[in-house]
PDB file of N, CA and C in Angstrom:
ATOM      1  N   MET A   1      45.959  25.433  -6.983  1.00  0.00           N
ATOM      2  CA  MET A   1      44.395  26.047  -7.385  1.00  0.00           C
ATOM      3  C   MET A   1      43.927  23.949  -7.189  1.00  0.00           C
ATOM      4  N   VAL A   2      42.905  24.433  -5.988  1.00  0.00           N
ATOM      5  CA  VAL A   2      41.618  23.031  -5.825  1.00  0.00           C
ATOM      6  C   VAL A   2      40.640  23.317  -6.156  1.00  0.00           C
ATOM      7  N   CYS A   3      40.012  22.488  -6.290  1.00  0.00           N
ATOM      8  CA  CYS A   3      38.794  22.438  -7.332  1.00  0.00           C
ATOM      9  C   CYS A   3      38.000  21.508  -6.325  1.00  0.00           C
ATOM     10  N   THR A   4      36.671  22.376  -6.185  1.00  0.00           N
ATOM     11  CA  THR A   4      35.774  21.104  -4.957  1.00  0.00           C
ATOM     12  C   THR A   4      34.499  20.569  -6.347  1.00  0.00           C
ATOM     13  N   LEU A   5      34.171  19.725  -6.366  1.00  0.00           N
ATOM     14  CA  LEU A   5      32.672  19.262  -7.511  1.00  0.00           C
ATOM     15  C   LEU A   5      32.183  18.592  -6.272  1.00  0.00           C
ATOM     16  N   ILE A   6      31.321  18.774  -6.186  1.00  0.00           N
ATOM     17  CA  ILE A   6      29.691  18.353  -5.635  1.00  0.00           C
ATOM     18  C   ILE A   6      28.478  17.769  -6.696  1.00  0.00           C
ATOM     19  N   VAL A   7      28.522  16.623  -6.225  1.00  0.00           N
ATOM     20  CA  VAL A   7      27.100  15.878  -7.384  1.00  0.00           C
ATOM     21  C   VAL A   7      26.408  15.627  -6.732  1.00  0.00           C
ATOM     22  N   SER A   8      24.989  15.526  -7.067  1.00  0.00           N
ATOM     23  CA  SER A   8      23.584  15.726  -6.370  1.00  0.00           C
ATOM     24  C   SER A   8      23.313  14.571  -7.008  1.00  0.00           C
ATOM     25  N   CYS A   9      22.446  13.251  -6.729  1.00  0.00           N
ATOM     26  CA  CYS A   9      22.247  12.284  -7.579  1.00  0.00           C
ATOM     27  C   CYS A   9      20.926  12.259  -7.120  1.00  0.00           C
ATOM     28  N   GLY A  10      19.659  12.558  -7.129  1.00  0.00           N
ATOM     29  CA  GLY A  10      18.234  12.859  -7.200  1.00  0.00           C
ATOM     30  C   GLY A  10      17.663  14.366  -6.236  1.00  0.00           C
ATOM     31  N   SER A  11      17.122  14.237  -5.680  1.00  0.00           N
ATOM     32  CA  SER A  11      15.833  14.906  -5.149  1.00  0.00           C
ATOM     33  C   SER A  11      15.226  14.693  -3.531  1.00  0.00           C
ATOM     34  N   ASP A  12      15.030  15.439  -2.934  1.00  0.00           N
ATOM     35  CA  ASP A  12      14.051  15.178  -1.574  1.00  0.00           C
ATOM     36  C   ASP A  12      13.302  14.548  -1.885  1.00  0.00           C
ATOM     37  N   ASP A  13      12.407  15.058  -3.068  1.00  0.00           N
ATOM     38  CA  ASP A  13      11.064  14.874  -3.374  1.00  0.00           C
ATOM     39  C   ASP A  13      11.096  12.941  -4.108  1.00  0.00           C
ATOM     40  N   ASP A  14      12.373  12.706  -4.401  1.00  0.00           N
ATOM     41  CA  ASP A  14      12.542  11.292  -4.924  1.00  0.00           C
ATOM     42  C   ASP A  14      12.716  10.266  -3.224  1.00  0.00           C
ATOM     43  N   ALA A  15      13.140  11.136  -2.868  1.00  0.00           N
ATOM     44  CA  ALA A  15      13.271  10.220  -1.512  1.00  0.00           C
ATOM     45  C   ALA A  15      12.076  10.313  -0.437  1.00  0.00           C
ATOM     46  N   LYS A  16      11.017  10.479  -0.869  1.00  0.00           N
ATOM     47  CA  LYS A  16       9.901  10.717  -0.361  1.00  0.00           C
ATOM     48  C   LYS A  16       8.820   9.326  -0.595  1.00  0.00           C
ATOM     49  N   GLY A  17       8.885   8.642  -1.437  1.00  0.00           N
ATOM     50  CA  GLY A  17       8.737   8.114  -2.143  1.00  0.00           C
ATOM     51  C   GLY A  17       6.577   8.648  -2.546  1.00  0.00           C
ATOM     52  N   ILE A  18       5.983   7.250  -2.559  1.00  0.00           N
ATOM     53  CA  ILE A  18       4.581   7.752  -3.289  1.00  0.00           C
ATOM     54  C   ILE A  18       3.802   8.176  -1.646  1.00  0.00           C
ATOM     55  N   GLU A  19       2.700   9.082  -1.924  1.00  0.00           N
ATOM     56  CA  GLU A  19       2.056   9.351  -1.183  1.00  0.00           C
ATOM     57  C   GLU A  19       0.518   8.765  -1.591  1.00  0.00           C
ATOM     58  N   LEU A  20      -0.062   8.075  -0.454  1.00  0.00           N
ATOM     59  CA  LEU A  20      -1.215   8.176  -0.077  1.00  0.00           C
ATOM     60  C   LEU A  20      -2.069   8.072   0.216  1.00  0.00           C
ATOM     61  N   SER A  21      -2.488   8.765   1.206  1.00  0.00           N
ATOM     62  CA  SER A  21      -3.511   9.857   1.272  1.00  0.00           C
ATOM     63  C   SER A  21      -4.231  10.188   0.135  1.00  0.00           C
ATOM     64  N   GLY A  22      -5.783   9.777   0.207  1.00  0.00           N
ATOM     65  CA  GLY A  22      -6.443  10.441  -0.860  1.00  0.00           C
ATOM     66  C   GLY A  22      -6.921   9.518  -2.153  1.00  0.00           C
ATOM     67  N   THR A  23      -6.260   8.334  -2.270  1.00  0.00           N
ATOM     68  CA  THR A  23      -5.652   7.731  -3.394  1.00  0.00           C
ATOM     69  C   THR A  23      -6.833   6.721  -2.759  1.00  0.00           C
ATOM     70  N   SER A  24      -7.120   6.202  -4.535  1.00  0.00           N
ATOM     71  CA  SER A  24      -8.228   5.088  -4.507  1.00  0.00           C
ATOM     72  C   SER A  24      -7.529   3.961  -5.397  1.00  0.00           C
ATOM     73  N   TRP A  25      -7.546   2.603  -5.011  1.00  0.00           N
ATOM     74  CA  TRP A  25      -7.052   1.713  -5.717  1.00  0.00           C
ATOM     75  C   TRP A  25      -8.365   0.351  -5.813  1.00  0.00           C
ATOM     76  N   ILE A  26      -7.626  -0.533  -7.744  1.00  0.00           N
ATOM     77  CA  ILE A  26      -9.108  -1.354  -7.667  1.00  0.00           C
ATOM     78  C   ILE A  26      -8.630  -2.331  -8.036  1.00  0.00           C
ATOM     79  N   GLY A  27      -8.861  -3.459  -7.660  1.00  0.00           N
ATOM     80  CA  GLY A  27      -8.559  -4.540  -8.138  1.00  0.00           C
ATOM     81  C   GLY A  27      -8.481  -5.123  -9.428  1.00  0.00           C
ATOM     82  N   THR A  28      -6.920  -6.032  -9.706  1.00  0.00           N
ATOM     83  CA  THR A  28      -6.811  -5.893 -10.942  1.00  0.00           C
ATOM     84  C   THR A  28      -6.015  -7.169 -11.233  1.00  0.00           C
ATOM     85  N   GLY A  29      -5.797  -8.004 -12.635  1.00  0.00           N
ATOM     86  CA  GLY A  29      -5.292  -9.229 -12.666  1.00  0.00           C
ATOM     87  C   GLY A  29      -6.345 -10.159 -11.606  1.00  0.00           C
ATOM     88  N   SER A  30      -5.939 -10.931 -11.037  1.00  0.00           N
ATOM     89  CA  SER A  30      -6.412 -11.961 -10.473  1.00  0.00           C
ATOM     90  C   SER A  30      -7.622 -11.654  -9.316  1.00  0.00           C
ATOM     91  N   THR A  31      -7.232 -10.292  -8.764  1.00  0.00           N
ATOM     92  CA  THR A  31      -8.047  -9.774  -7.755  1.00  0.00           C
ATOM     93  C   THR A  31      -9.667  -9.037  -8.660  1.00  0.00           C
ATOM     94  N   ASP A  32     -10.817  -9.354  -7.748  1.00  0.00           N
ATOM     95  CA  ASP A  32     -11.742  -9.395  -8.511  1.00  0.00           C
ATOM     96  C   ASP A  32     -11.926  -7.794  -8.512  1.00  0.00           C
ATOM     97  N   SER A  33     -12.623  -7.104  -9.359  1.00  0.00           N
ATOM     98  CA  SER A  33     -12.293  -5.301  -9.483  1.00  0.00           C
ATOM     99  C   SER A  33     -13.462  -5.142  -8.744  1.00  0.00           C
ATOM    100  N   SER A  34     -14.558  -5.662  -7.946  1.00  0.00           N
ATOM    101  CA  SER A  34     -15.228  -5.074  -7.501  1.00  0.00           C
ATOM    102  C   SER A  34     -14.978  -5.044  -5.875  1.00  0.00           C
ATOM    103  N   ARG A  35     -13.622  -5.032  -5.770  1.00  0.00           N
ATOM    104  CA  ARG A  35     -12.500  -4.871  -4.598  1.00  0.00           C
ATOM    105  C   ARG A  35     -12.101  -3.597  -5.217  1.00  0.00           C
ATOM    106  N   SER A  36     -11.759  -3.167  -3.382  1.00  0.00           N
ATOM    107  CA  SER A  36     -10.802  -1.636  -3.806  1.00  0.00           C
ATOM    108  C   SER A  36     -10.153  -1.390  -2.169  1.00  0.00           C
ATOM    109  N   ILE A  37      -9.754  -0.159  -2.283  1.00  0.00           N
ATOM    110  CA  ILE A  37      -8.927   0.198  -0.646  1.00  0.00           C
ATOM    111  C   ILE A  37      -8.917   1.449  -1.387  1.00  0.00           C
ATOM    112  N   THR A  38      -8.983   2.364  -0.739  1.00  0.00           N
ATOM    113  CA  THR A  38      -9.122   4.183   0.183  1.00  0.00           C
ATOM    114  C   THR A  38      -8.250   4.302   1.051  1.00  0.00           C
ATOM    115  N   PHE A  39      -7.211   5.110   0.170  1.00  0.00           N
ATOM    116  CA  PHE A  39      -6.824   5.802   1.404  1.00  0.00           C
ATOM    117  C   PHE A  39      -7.048   6.654   1.512  1.00  0.00           C
ATOM    118  N   ILE A  40      -7.843   7.357   2.919  1.00  0.00           N
ATOM    119  CA  ILE A  40      -8.569   8.122   3.505  1.00  0.00           C
ATOM    120  C   ILE A  40      -8.190   9.422   4.088  1.00  0.00           C
ATOM    121  N   SER A  41      -6.765   8.908   4.382  1.00  0.00           N
ATOM    122  CA  SER A  41      -5.977  10.133   5.430  1.00  0.00           C
ATOM    123  C   SER A  41      -4.311   9.795   5.334  1.00  0.00           C
ATOM    124  N   ASP A  42      -3.669  10.166   6.662  1.00  0.00           N
ATOM    125  CA  ASP A  42      -2.033   9.620   6.364  1.00  0.00           C
ATOM    126  C   ASP A  42      -2.464   8.533   7.013  1.00  0.00           C
ATOM    127  N   THR A  43      -3.460   7.987   8.263  1.00  0.00           N
ATOM    128  CA  THR A  43      -3.382   6.424   8.441  1.00  0.00           C
ATOM    129  C   THR A  43      -4.033   5.562   8.805  1.00  0.00           C
ATOM    130  N   ASN A  44      -5.390   6.191   7.910  1.00  0.00           N
ATOM    131  CA  ASN A  44      -6.427   5.202   7.974  1.00  0.00           C
ATOM    132  C   ASN A  44      -7.197   5.355   6.926  1.00  0.00           C
ATOM    133  N   TYR A  45      -7.507   3.664   6.608  1.00  0.00           N
ATOM    134  CA  TYR A  45      -8.284   3.252   4.662  1.00  0.00           C
ATOM    135  C   TYR A  45      -9.549   2.547   5.327  1.00  0.00           C
ATOM    136  N   ASN A  46     -10.042   2.393   4.381  1.00  0.00           N
ATOM    137  CA  ASN A  46     -11.007   1.620   3.571  1.00  0.00           C
ATOM    138  C   ASN A  46     -11.260   0.715   2.756  1.00  0.00           C
ATOM    139  N   TYR A  47     -11.378  -0.889   3.377  1.00  0.00           N
ATOM    140  CA  TYR A  47     -11.404  -1.920   2.245  1.00  0.00           C
ATOM    141  C   TYR A  47     -12.898  -2.381   1.813  1.00  0.00           C
ATOM    142  N   THR A  48     -12.861  -2.441   0.457  1.00  0.00           N
ATOM    143  CA  THR A  48     -14.303  -2.220  -0.363  1.00  0.00           C
ATOM    144  C   THR A  48     -14.222  -4.173  -0.933  1.00  0.00           C
ATOM    145  N   GLU A  49     -15.216  -4.758  -0.303  1.00  0.00           N
ATOM    146  CA  GLU A  49     -15.220  -5.915  -1.006  1.00  0.00           C
ATOM    147  C   GLU A  49     -16.920  -6.763  -0.701  1.00  0.00           C
ATOM    148  N   PRO A  50     -17.169  -7.287  -2.079  1.00  0.00           N
ATOM    149  CA  PRO A  50     -18.860  -7.515  -2.170  1.00  0.00           C
ATOM    150  C   PRO A  50     -18.948  -8.174  -0.384  1.00  0.00           C
ATOM    151  N   GLY A  51     -19.602  -7.483  -0.092  1.00  0.00           N
ATOM    152  CA  GLY A  51     -20.367  -7.470   1.544  1.00  0.00           C
ATOM    153  C   GLY A  51     -20.123  -6.847   2.888  1.00  0.00           C
ATOM    154  N   GLY A  52     -19.513  -6.007   2.193  1.00  0.00           N
ATOM    155  CA  GLY A  52     -18.603  -5.479   3.174  1.00  0.00           C
ATOM    156  C   GLY A  52     -17.254  -5.179   3.101  1.00  0.00           C
ATOM    157  N   GLY A  53     -15.962  -5.179   4.295  1.00  0.00           N
ATOM    158  CA  GLY A  53     -14.785  -4.961   4.125  1.00  0.00           C
ATOM    159  C   GLY A  53     -14.256  -3.993   5.498  1.00  0.00           C
ATOM    160  N   PRO A  54     -13.173  -4.387   5.553  1.00  0.00           N
ATOM    161  CA  PRO A  54     -12.514  -3.869   6.797  1.00  0.00           C
ATOM    162  C   PRO A  54     -12.288  -2.347   6.972  1.00  0.00           C
ATOM    163  N   ASN A  55     -11.698  -1.861   7.871  1.00  0.00           N
ATOM    164  CA  ASN A  55     -11.564  -0.237   7.782  1.00  0.00           C
ATOM    165  C   ASN A  55     -10.571  -0.203   9.255  1.00  0.00           C
ATOM    166  N   GLY A  56      -9.766   0.296   8.515  1.00  0.00           N
ATOM    167  CA  GLY A  56      -8.693   0.488   9.666  1.00  0.00           C
ATOM    168  C   GLY A  56      -7.465   1.529   9.385  1.00  0.00           C
ATOM    169  N   THR A  57      -6.363   1.268  10.064  1.00  0.00           N
ATOM    170  CA  THR A  57      -5.028   1.735  10.102  1.00  0.00           C
ATOM    171  C   THR A  57      -3.882   1.117   8.863  1.00  0.00           C
ATOM    172  N   TYR A  58      -3.038   1.761   8.825  1.00  0.00           N
ATOM    173  CA  TYR A  58      -1.674   1.559   8.322  1.00  0.00           C
ATOM    174  C   TYR A  58      -0.609   2.619   8.367  1.00  0.00           C
ATOM    175  N   THR A  59       0.715   1.724   8.175  1.00  0.00           N
ATOM    176  CA  THR A  59       1.402   2.487   8.407  1.00  0.00           C
ATOM    177  C   THR A  59       2.305   2.447   6.772  1.00  0.00           C
ATOM    178  N   PHE A  60       2.845   3.459   6.203  1.00  0.00           N
ATOM    179  CA  PHE A  60       3.598   3.149   4.685  1.00  0.00           C
ATOM    180  C   PHE A  60       4.548   4.335   4.964  1.00  0.00           C
ATOM    181  N   ASN A  61       5.960   4.009   4.386  1.00  0.00           N
ATOM    182  CA  ASN A  61       7.545   4.170   4.041  1.00  0.00           C
ATOM    183  C   ASN A  61       7.540   4.864   2.997  1.00  0.00           C
ATOM    184  N   GLY A  62       6.606   5.136   2.036  1.00  0.00           N
ATOM    185  CA  GLY A  62       6.950   5.579   0.315  1.00  0.00           C
ATOM    186  C   GLY A  62       7.132   4.396  -0.294  1.00  0.00           C
ATOM    187  N   SER A  63       7.263   2.893  -0.159  1.00  0.00           N
ATOM    188  CA  SER A  63       7.281   1.863  -0.908  1.00  0.00           C
ATOM    189  C   SER A  63       6.494   0.836  -0.227  1.00  0.00           C
ATOM    190  N   SER A  64       6.646   0.421   1.274  1.00  0.00           N
ATOM    191  CA  SER A  64       5.798  -0.790   1.852  1.00  0.00           C
ATOM    192  C   SER A  64       5.649  -0.158   2.999  1.00  0.00           C
ATOM    193  N   GLY A  65       4.621  -1.096   3.365  1.00  0.00           N
ATOM    194  CA  GLY A  65       3.383  -0.695   4.670  1.00  0.00           C
ATOM    195  C   GLY A  65       2.833  -1.942   5.279  1.00  0.00           C
ATOM    196  N   VAL A  66       2.126  -1.305   6.459  1.00  0.00           N
ATOM    197  CA  VAL A  66       1.360  -2.805   6.822  1.00  0.00           C
ATOM    198  C   VAL A  66      -0.133  -2.011   7.153  1.00  0.00           C
ATOM    199  N   LEU A  67      -0.876  -2.712   6.833  1.00  0.00           N
ATOM    200  CA  LEU A  67      -2.537  -2.114   7.226  1.00  0.00           C
ATOM    201  C   LEU A  67      -2.430  -2.867   8.547  1.00  0.00           C
ATOM    202  N   THR A  68      -3.852  -2.522   8.960  1.00  0.00           N
ATOM    203  CA  THR A  68      -4.439  -3.143  10.126  1.00  0.00           C
ATOM    204  C   THR A  68      -5.651  -2.664  10.722  1.00  0.00           C
ATOM    205  N   ASP A  69      -6.443  -4.045  10.892  1.00  0.00           N
ATOM    206  CA  ASP A  69      -7.858  -4.126  10.849  1.00  0.00           C
ATOM    207  C   ASP A  69      -7.558  -4.811  12.568  1.00  0.00           C
ATOM    208  N   ASN A  70      -9.084  -5.417  12.254  1.00  0.00           N
ATOM    209  CA  ASN A  70      -9.634  -6.150  13.369  1.00  0.00           C
ATOM    210  C   ASN A  70      -9.619  -7.568  13.532  1.00  0.00           C
ATOM    211  N   TYR A  71      -8.837  -7.912  12.213  1.00  0.00           N
ATOM    212  CA  TYR A  71      -8.649  -9.407  11.598  1.00  0.00           C
ATOM    213  C   TYR A  71      -7.013  -9.181  11.895  1.00  0.00           C
ATOM    214  N   GLY A  72      -6.573  -8.317  12.012  1.00  0.00           N
ATOM    215  CA  GLY A  72      -5.088  -8.750  12.418  1.00  0.00           C
ATOM    216  C   GLY A  72      -4.248  -7.694  11.230  1.00  0.00           C
ATOM    217  N   THR A  73      -2.667  -7.940  10.618  1.00  0.00           N
ATOM    218  CA  THR A  73      -2.027  -6.734  10.157  1.00  0.00           C
ATOM    219  C   THR A  73      -1.543  -7.858   8.666  1.00  0.00           C
ATOM    220  N   ILE A  74      -1.381  -6.955   7.508  1.00  0.00           N
ATOM    221  CA  ILE A  74      -1.232  -7.544   6.797  1.00  0.00           C
ATOM    222  C   ILE A  74      -0.222  -6.715   5.505  1.00  0.00           C
ATOM    223  N   PRO A  75       1.434  -7.206   5.374  1.00  0.00           N
ATOM    224  CA  PRO A  75       1.927  -5.769   4.521  1.00  0.00           C
ATOM    225  C   PRO A  75       1.492  -6.224   3.319  1.00  0.00           C
ATOM    226  N   PHE A  76       1.956  -4.505   2.624  1.00  0.00           N
ATOM    227  CA  PHE A  76       1.809  -3.882   1.319  1.00  0.00           C
ATOM    228  C   PHE A  76       2.663  -3.791   0.638  1.00  0.00           C
ATOM    229  N   SER A  77       3.199  -3.688  -0.983  1.00  0.00           N
ATOM    230  CA  SER A  77       3.878  -3.254  -1.032  1.00  0.00           C
ATOM    231  C   SER A  77       3.508  -2.258  -2.266  1.00  0.00           C
ATOM    232  N   VAL A  78       4.019  -0.712  -3.100  1.00  0.00           N
ATOM    233  CA  VAL A  78       3.519  -0.328  -3.918  1.00  0.00           C
ATOM    234  C   VAL A  78       4.448   0.335  -4.852  1.00  0.00           C
ATOM    235  N   ASN A  79       4.402  -0.141  -6.170  1.00  0.00           N
ATOM    236  CA  ASN A  79       5.562  -0.066  -7.038  1.00  0.00           C
ATOM    237  C   ASN A  79       4.831   1.186  -8.587  1.00  0.00           C
ATOM    238  N   ASN A  80       4.881   2.000  -8.279  1.00  0.00           N
ATOM    239  CA  ASN A  80       4.626   2.684  -9.175  1.00  0.00           C
ATOM    240  C   ASN A  80       3.031   2.482  -9.147  1.00  0.00           C
ATOM    241  N   ASP A  81       2.142   2.483 -10.032  1.00  0.00           N
ATOM    242  CA  ASP A  81       0.669   2.260  -9.413  1.00  0.00           C
ATOM    243  C   ASP A  81      -0.002   1.528  -9.584  1.00  0.00           C
ATOM    244  N   LEU A  82       0.853   0.297  -8.836  1.00  0.00           N
ATOM    245  CA  LEU A  82       0.624  -1.027  -8.795  1.00  0.00           C
ATOM    246  C   LEU A  82       0.422  -1.437  -6.857  1.00  0.00           C
ATOM    247  N   LEU A  83      -0.587  -1.879  -6.568  1.00  0.00           N
ATOM    248  CA  LEU A  83      -0.334  -1.917  -4.858  1.00  0.00           C
ATOM    249  C   LEU A  83      -0.803  -3.862  -5.107  1.00  0.00           C
ATOM    250  N   THR A  84       0.415  -3.953  -4.020  1.00  0.00           N
ATOM    251  CA  THR A  84       0.081  -5.758  -3.695  1.00  0.00           C
ATOM    252  C   THR A  84       0.043  -5.493  -2.235  1.00  0.00           C
ATOM    253  N   ILE A  85      -0.922  -6.462  -1.989  1.00  0.00           N
ATOM    254  CA  ILE A  85      -1.520  -7.113  -0.575  1.00  0.00           C
ATOM    255  C   ILE A  85      -0.491  -8.291  -0.861  1.00  0.00           C
ATOM    256  N   ASP A  86      -0.108  -8.200   0.374  1.00  0.00           N
ATOM    257  CA  ASP A  86       0.566 -10.076   0.798  1.00  0.00           C
ATOM    258  C   ASP A  86      -0.116 -10.923   1.984  1.00  0.00           C
ATOM    259  N   TYR A  87      -1.370 -11.755   1.495  1.00  0.00           N
ATOM    260  CA  TYR A  87      -2.155 -12.754   2.787  1.00  0.00           C
ATOM    261  C   TYR A  87      -0.287 -13.528   3.344  1.00  0.00           C
ATOM    262  N   ASP A  88       0.393 -13.492   2.567  1.00  0.00           N
ATOM    263  CA  ASP A  88       1.206 -14.765   3.046  1.00  0.00           C
ATOM    264  C   ASP A  88       2.145 -14.589   4.291  1.00  0.00           C
ATOM    265  N   GLY A  89       1.636 -13.301   4.557  1.00  0.00           N
ATOM    266  CA  GLY A  89       2.779 -12.051   5.766  1.00  0.00           C
ATOM    267  C   GLY A  89       1.682 -11.531   6.574  1.00  0.00           C
ATOM    268  N   GLY A  90       0.769 -12.123   6.605  1.00  0.00           N
ATOM    269  CA  GLY A  90      -0.308 -12.035   7.211  1.00  0.00           C
ATOM    270  C   GLY A  90      -0.322 -12.628   8.953  1.00  0.00           C
ATOM    271  N   THR A  91      -1.073 -11.530  10.067  1.00  0.00           N
ATOM    272  CA  THR A  91      -0.585 -12.274  11.243  1.00  0.00           C
ATOM    273  C   THR A  91      -2.340 -12.654  11.825  1.00  0.00           C
ATOM    274  N   ASP A  92      -2.093 -12.853  13.285  1.00  0.00           N
ATOM    275  CA  ASP A  92      -3.551 -12.951  13.610  1.00  0.00           C
ATOM    276  C   ASP A  92      -4.854 -13.877  12.784  1.00  0.00           C
ATOM    277  N   GLY A  93      -5.860 -13.242  12.377  1.00  0.00           N
ATOM    278  CA  GLY A  93      -7.198 -14.032  11.188  1.00  0.00           C
ATOM    279  C   GLY A  93      -6.850 -14.196   9.899  1.00  0.00           C
ATOM    280  N   TYR A  94      -5.401 -13.533   9.387  1.00  0.00           N
ATOM    281  CA  TYR A  94      -5.078 -13.614   8.574  1.00  0.00           C
ATOM    282  C   TYR A  94      -3.993 -14.802   8.007  1.00  0.00           C
ATOM    283  N   VAL A  95      -3.281 -15.065   9.368  1.00  0.00           N
ATOM    284  CA  VAL A  95      -2.432 -16.356   8.727  1.00  0.00           C
ATOM    285  C   VAL A  95      -2.845 -17.631   8.408  1.00  0.00           C
ATOM    286  N   ASP A  96      -4.266 -17.916   8.206  1.00  0.00           N
ATOM    287  CA  ASP A  96      -4.593 -19.204   6.826  1.00  0.00           C
ATOM    288  C   ASP A  96      -4.971 -18.330   5.799  1.00  0.00           C
ATOM    289  N   THR A  97      -5.286 -17.205   5.218  1.00  0.00           N
ATOM    290  CA  THR A  97      -5.259 -16.616   4.062  1.00  0.00           C
ATOM    291  C   THR A  97      -3.856 -16.622   3.177  1.00  0.00           C
ATOM    292  N   THR A  98      -3.975 -17.191   2.324  1.00  0.00           N
ATOM    293  CA  THR A  98      -2.884 -17.294   1.639  1.00  0.00           C
ATOM    294  C   THR A  98      -2.834 -16.192   0.401  1.00  0.00           C
ATOM    295  N   GLY A  99      -1.535 -15.941  -0.635  1.00  0.00           N
ATOM    296  CA  GLY A  99      -1.641 -15.522  -1.676  1.00  0.00           C
ATOM    297  C   GLY A  99      -1.946 -14.155  -1.889  1.00  0.00           C
ATOM    298  N   LYS A 100      -1.609 -13.107  -2.603  1.00  0.00           N
ATOM    299  CA  LYS A 100      -1.712 -11.807  -3.164  1.00  0.00           C
ATOM    300  C   LYS A 100      -2.507 -10.892  -3.744  1.00  0.00           C
ATOM    301  N   GLU A 101      -2.788  -9.965  -3.468  1.00  0.00           N
ATOM    302  CA  GLU A 101      -4.258  -8.897  -4.232  1.00  0.00           C
ATOM    303  C   GLU A 101      -3.351  -8.125  -4.685  1.00  0.00           C
ATOM    304  N   THR A 102      -3.981  -7.419  -5.902  1.00  0.00           N
ATOM    305  CA  THR A 102      -2.851  -6.515  -6.548  1.00  0.00           C
ATOM    306  C   THR A 102      -4.105  -5.496  -6.908  1.00  0.00           C
ATOM    307  N   PHE A 103      -3.975  -4.725  -7.182  1.00  0.00           N
ATOM    308  CA  PHE A 103      -4.939  -3.704  -7.049  1.00  0.00           C
ATOM    309  C   PHE A 103      -4.028  -2.204  -8.592  1.00  0.00           C
ATOM    310  N   ILE A 104      -4.726  -1.753  -9.228  1.00  0.00           N
ATOM    311  CA  ILE A 104      -3.720  -0.605  -9.597  1.00  0.00           C
ATOM    312  C   ILE A 104      -4.179   0.603  -8.824  1.00  0.00           C
ATOM    313  N   ARG A 105      -3.572   1.799  -9.224  1.00  0.00           N
ATOM    314  CA  ARG A 105      -4.380   3.192  -8.755  1.00  0.00           C
ATOM    315  C   ARG A 105      -5.334   3.870  -9.659  1.00  0.00           C
ATOM    316  N   GLN A 106      -6.629   4.642  -9.129  1.00  0.00           N
ATOM    317  CA  GLN A 106      -7.385   4.942  -9.815  1.00  0.00           C
ATOM    318  C   GLN A 106      -7.575   6.862  -9.956  1.00  0.00           C
TER     319      GLN A 106
END
């Protein structure tokens, strides 16, 4: 007699990661709490800071992505309810901007 054992270690939902569309994040830690980022669709976001802020597009794979606007591109990552923008990896107009900004999900 032959026995077959199939083991599953997760679900399809786990593989999808976090969905950003429709979420808002507010500055936390060293990031000014008047700064926020809202993902208004699967590809567009609004960044708000005192005096304005860029709007742009983004790509996201469930845990990390790239924000793109008129200034250049910036990588970001999401870990649970914390989003981190990493200016050290930015391009174009963000090359001279260093450090990280952190945001918490609202």
